[in-house]
C-alpha atoms as a PDB file:
ATOM      1  CA  MET A   1    -215.635  46.821 109.311  1.00  0.00           C
ATOM      2  CA  VAL A   2    -213.009  45.657 111.741  1.00  0.00           C
ATOM      3  CA  GLN A   3    -209.313  45.960 110.927  1.00  0.00           C
ATOM      4  CA  TYR A   4    -206.571  43.684 112.205  1.00  0.00           C
ATOM      5  CA  ALA A   5    -202.930  44.438 111.488  1.00  0.00           C
ATOM      6  CA  VAL A   6    -199.547  42.859 112.144  1.00  0.00           C
ATOM      7  CA  THR A   7    -196.630  45.274 112.018  1.00  0.00           C
ATOM      8  CA  LEU A   8    -193.108  45.645 113.288  1.00  0.00           C
ATOM      9  CA  LYS A   9    -193.238  48.435 115.870  1.00  0.00           C
ATOM     10  CA  GLU A  10    -190.217  49.467 117.932  1.00  0.00           C
ATOM     11  CA  GLY A  11    -188.507  46.152 117.177  1.00  0.00           C
ATOM     12  CA  ASP A  12    -191.468  43.967 118.214  1.00  0.00           C
ATOM     13  CA  TRP A  13    -194.126  42.314 116.083  1.00  0.00           C
ATOM     14  CA  THR A  14    -197.450  43.722 117.242  1.00  0.00           C
ATOM     15  CA  VAL A  15    -201.096  42.797 116.581  1.00  0.00           C
ATOM     16  CA  PHE A  16    -203.539  45.698 116.298  1.00  0.00           C
ATOM     17  CA  ARG A  17    -207.330  45.859 116.208  1.00  0.00           C
ATOM     18  CA  ASP A  18    -208.690  49.073 114.733  1.00  0.00           C
ATOM     19  CA  GLY A  19    -205.376  50.811 115.452  1.00  0.00           C
ATOM     20  CA  GLU A  20    -205.140  49.740 119.093  1.00  0.00           C
ATOM     21  CA  PRO A  21    -202.388  47.282 120.103  1.00  0.00           C
ATOM     22  CA  LEU A  22    -203.656  43.919 121.365  1.00  0.00           C
ATOM     23  CA  ALA A  23    -200.447  41.910 121.705  1.00  0.00           C
ATOM     24  CA  ARG A  24    -196.754  42.585 121.164  1.00  0.00           C
ATOM     25  CA  GLY A  25    -193.295  41.178 121.684  1.00  0.00           C
ATOM     26  CA  MET A  26    -193.729  37.977 119.700  1.00  0.00           C
ATOM     27  CA  SER A  27    -192.469  36.396 116.526  1.00  0.00           C
ATOM     28  CA  ARG A  28    -194.028  37.459 113.244  1.00  0.00           C
ATOM     29  CA  SER A  29    -195.517  34.004 112.724  1.00  0.00           C
ATOM     30  CA  ALA A  30    -197.179  34.063 116.161  1.00  0.00           C
ATOM     31  CA  ALA A  31    -198.562  37.553 115.515  1.00  0.00           C
ATOM     32  CA  VAL A  32    -199.938  36.494 112.120  1.00  0.00           C
ATOM     33  CA  GLU A  33    -201.552  33.410 113.687  1.00  0.00           C
ATOM     34  CA  ILE A  34    -203.290  35.564 116.318  1.00  0.00           C
ATOM     35  CA  ALA A  35    -204.499  38.134 113.772  1.00  0.00           C
ATOM     36  CA  GLU A  36    -205.777  35.472 111.379  1.00  0.00           C
ATOM     37  CA  GLY A  37    -207.645  33.761 114.224  1.00  0.00           C
ATOM     38  CA  LEU A  38    -209.263  37.031 115.302  1.00  0.00           C
ATOM     39  CA  ALA A  39    -210.171  37.830 111.698  1.00  0.00           C
ATOM     40  CA  PHE A  40    -211.768  34.401 111.266  1.00  0.00           C
ATOM     41  CA  GLU A  41    -213.844  34.884 114.436  1.00  0.00           C
ATOM     42  CA  ALA A  42    -215.024  38.295 113.202  1.00  0.00           C
ATOM     43  CA  GLU A  43    -215.970  36.808 109.825  1.00  0.00           C
ATOM     44  CA  GLU A  44    -217.947  34.076 111.610  1.00  0.00           C
ATOM     45  CA  ARG A  45    -219.924  36.837 113.358  1.00  0.00           C
ATOM     46  CA  GLY A  46    -220.719  38.310 109.943  1.00  0.00           C
ATOM     47  CA  GLU A  47    -218.363  41.273 110.163  1.00  0.00           C
ATOM     48  CA  LYS A  48    -216.408  42.597 107.212  1.00  0.00           C
ATOM     49  CA  VAL A  49    -212.684  42.267 107.957  1.00  0.00           C
ATOM     50  CA  GLU A  50    -209.577  44.001 106.682  1.00  0.00           C
ATOM     51  CA  LEU A  51    -206.368  42.140 107.510  1.00  0.00           C
ATOM     52  CA  LEU A  52    -203.064  43.974 107.048  1.00  0.00           C
ATOM     53  CA  ILE A  53    -199.811  42.054 107.443  1.00  0.00           C
ATOM     54  CA  GLN A  54    -196.373  43.606 107.138  1.00  0.00           C
ATOM     55  CA  GLU A  55    -193.787  41.520 105.340  1.00  0.00           C
ATOM     56  CA  TYR A  56    -190.166  41.284 106.453  1.00  0.00           C
ATOM     57  CA  THR A  57    -189.339  43.650 103.578  1.00  0.00           C
ATOM     58  CA  GLY A  58    -191.640  46.304 105.040  1.00  0.00           C
ATOM     59  CA  GLU A  59    -194.345  45.930 102.395  1.00  0.00           C
ATOM     60  CA  LEU A  60    -197.910  45.687 103.644  1.00  0.00           C
ATOM     61  CA  GLY A  61    -200.222  42.951 102.369  1.00  0.00           C
ATOM     62  CA  ARG A  62    -203.984  43.568 102.503  1.00  0.00           C
ATOM     63  CA  LYS A  63    -206.934  41.177 102.501  1.00  0.00           C
ATOM     64  CA  VAL A  64    -210.605  42.140 102.816  1.00  0.00           C
ATOM     65  CA  SER A  65    -213.210  39.472 103.500  1.00  0.00           C
ATOM     66  CA  GLY A  66    -216.442  38.656 105.280  1.00  0.00           C
ATOM     67  CA  GLY A  67    -219.429  40.884 105.708  1.00  0.00           C
ATOM     68  CA  GLY A  68    -221.960  38.220 104.727  1.00  0.00           C
END
């Protein structure tokens, strides 16, 4: 399983893959777009994907998919 996450870290929206930062310093919508694109690509390769996205309120949304 691969995990992608979008969280607010040190004042910047950051995209993570398996806990490692991939991109930072962008708007939340841009970070979500990147993470969703990476998750889609992983699903296309047959990987199981966990996508975690932090809301503006701080709550974390979770979606698990793929793994054909």
